[in-house]
Amino acid sequence: MEQNYTYIDAFNELQTIVREIENGTTNIDELAGKIKRASDLIQVCKAKLTATEDEVNSLLQKISPAQETDDDE
């Protein structure tokens, strides 16, 4: 997985691969490689989204700590 690949780079390349497959410009000899590359790009996008979600949640916790509830009463 490419560590320095941005989400936008991965997403754009993924869109290009999907377009090539849909348009039929990918021959059968290239298809498996393109699908493997698409799978790798999806993992890059998923990792970036997860990391961003974790970072946003962490920042939100710092801004507004969860209020404690009195469930024991």
C-alpha atoms as a PDB file:
ATOM      1  CA  MET A   1       0.000   0.000   0.000  1.00  0.00           C
ATOM      2  CA  GLU A   2       1.367   3.396  -0.953  1.00  0.00           C
ATOM      3  CA  GLN A   3       1.877   5.514   2.156  1.00  0.00           C
ATOM      4  CA  ASN A   4       2.358   8.817   0.309  1.00  0.00           C
ATOM      5  CA  TYR A   5      -0.606   8.340  -2.002  1.00  0.00           C
ATOM      6  CA  THR A   6      -3.309  10.904  -1.315  1.00  0.00           C
ATOM      7  CA  TYR A   7      -6.965   9.953  -1.180  1.00  0.00           C
ATOM      8  CA  ILE A   8      -7.666  12.072  -4.270  1.00  0.00           C
ATOM      9  CA  ASP A   9      -4.827  10.409  -6.227  1.00  0.00           C
ATOM     10  CA  ALA A  10      -6.070   6.938  -5.310  1.00  0.00           C
ATOM     11  CA  PHE A  11      -9.712   7.825  -6.023  1.00  0.00           C
ATOM     12  CA  ASN A  12      -8.888   9.386  -9.398  1.00  0.00           C
ATOM     13  CA  GLU A  13      -6.811   6.389 -10.469  1.00  0.00           C
ATOM     14  CA  LEU A  14      -9.580   4.079  -9.317  1.00  0.00           C
ATOM     15  CA  GLN A  15     -12.111   6.014 -11.412  1.00  0.00           C
ATOM     16  CA  THR A  16      -9.822   5.727 -14.439  1.00  0.00           C
ATOM     17  CA  ILE A  17      -9.561   1.959 -14.008  1.00  0.00           C
ATOM     18  CA  VAL A  18     -13.326   1.595 -13.642  1.00  0.00           C
ATOM     19  CA  ARG A  19     -13.895   3.742 -16.748  1.00  0.00           C
ATOM     20  CA  GLU A  20     -11.408   1.654 -18.767  1.00  0.00           C
ATOM     21  CA  ILE A  21     -13.087  -1.578 -17.710  1.00  0.00           C
ATOM     22  CA  GLU A  22     -16.585  -0.213 -18.431  1.00  0.00           C
ATOM     23  CA  ASN A  23     -15.543   1.169 -21.827  1.00  0.00           C
ATOM     24  CA  GLY A  24     -13.972  -2.112 -22.835  1.00  0.00           C
ATOM     25  CA  THR A  25     -10.539  -0.538 -23.399  1.00  0.00           C
ATOM     26  CA  THR A  26      -8.972  -3.093 -21.054  1.00  0.00           C
ATOM     27  CA  ASN A  27      -8.087  -6.348 -22.747  1.00  0.00           C
ATOM     28  CA  ILE A  28      -8.449  -9.669 -20.990  1.00  0.00           C
ATOM     29  CA  ASP A  29      -4.690  -9.928 -20.406  1.00  0.00           C
ATOM     30  CA  GLU A  30      -4.716  -6.677 -18.408  1.00  0.00           C
ATOM     31  CA  LEU A  31      -7.972  -7.258 -16.548  1.00  0.00           C
ATOM     32  CA  ALA A  32      -6.608  -9.217 -13.573  1.00  0.00           C
ATOM     33  CA  GLY A  33      -3.847  -6.646 -13.041  1.00  0.00           C
ATOM     34  CA  LYS A  34      -6.328  -3.772 -13.214  1.00  0.00           C
ATOM     35  CA  ILE A  35      -8.640  -5.467 -10.714  1.00  0.00           C
ATOM     36  CA  LYS A  36      -5.695  -6.106  -8.362  1.00  0.00           C
ATOM     37  CA  ARG A  37      -4.649  -2.451  -8.670  1.00  0.00           C
ATOM     38  CA  ALA A  38      -8.240  -1.321  -8.030  1.00  0.00           C
ATOM     39  CA  SER A  39      -8.323  -3.488  -4.900  1.00  0.00           C
ATOM     40  CA  ASP A  40      -5.088  -1.881  -3.674  1.00  0.00           C
ATOM     41  CA  LEU A  41      -6.474   1.599  -4.355  1.00  0.00           C
ATOM     42  CA  ILE A  42      -9.675   0.806  -2.475  1.00  0.00           C
ATOM     43  CA  GLN A  43      -7.550  -0.209   0.524  1.00  0.00           C
ATOM     44  CA  VAL A  44      -5.636   3.098   0.302  1.00  0.00           C
ATOM     45  CA  CYS A  45      -8.918   5.044   0.225  1.00  0.00           C
ATOM     46  CA  LYS A  46     -10.374   3.010   3.098  1.00  0.00           C
ATOM     47  CA  ALA A  47      -7.249   3.536   5.228  1.00  0.00           C
ATOM     48  CA  LYS A  48      -7.285   7.293   4.544  1.00  0.00           C
ATOM     49  CA  LEU A  49     -10.985   7.552   5.415  1.00  0.00           C
ATOM     50  CA  THR A  50     -10.542   5.540   8.616  1.00  0.00           C
ATOM     51  CA  ALA A  51      -7.549   7.631   9.686  1.00  0.00           C
ATOM     52  CA  THR A  52      -9.448  10.839   8.978  1.00  0.00           C
ATOM     53  CA  GLU A  53     -12.497   9.603  10.880  1.00  0.00           C
ATOM     54  CA  ASP A  54     -10.333   8.685  13.885  1.00  0.00           C
ATOM     55  CA  GLU A  55      -8.616  12.074  13.808  1.00  0.00           C
ATOM     56  CA  VAL A  56     -11.921  13.973  13.568  1.00  0.00           C
ATOM     57  CA  ASN A  57     -13.405  11.934  16.430  1.00  0.00           C
ATOM     58  CA  SER A  58     -10.338  12.645  18.543  1.00  0.00           C
ATOM     59  CA  LEU A  59     -10.580  16.360  17.837  1.00  0.00           C
ATOM     60  CA  LEU A  60     -14.287  16.373  18.628  1.00  0.00           C
ATOM     61  CA  GLN A  61     -13.592  14.638  21.945  1.00  0.00           C
ATOM     62  CA  LYS A  62     -11.124  17.384  22.844  1.00  0.00           C
ATOM     63  CA  ILE A  63     -13.577  20.120  21.903  1.00  0.00           C
ATOM     64  CA  SER A  64     -16.592  18.601  23.597  1.00  0.00           C
ATOM     65  CA  PRO A  65     -15.796  15.824  26.077  1.00  0.00           C
ATOM     66  CA  ALA A  66     -18.571  13.275  26.454  1.00  0.00           C
ATOM     67  CA  GLN A  67     -20.906  14.230  29.249  1.00  0.00           C
ATOM     68  CA  GLU A  68     -21.048  11.689  32.003  1.00  0.00           C
ATOM     69  CA  THR A  69     -24.445  10.194  32.592  1.00  0.00           C
ATOM     70  CA  ASP A  70     -25.774   9.062  35.927  1.00  0.00           C
ATOM     71  CA  ASP A  71     -26.991   5.610  34.907  1.00  0.00           C
ATOM     72  CA  ASP A  72     -26.390   4.261  38.415  1.00  0.00           C
ATOM     73  CA  GLU A  73     -29.226   6.209  39.964  1.00  0.00           C
END
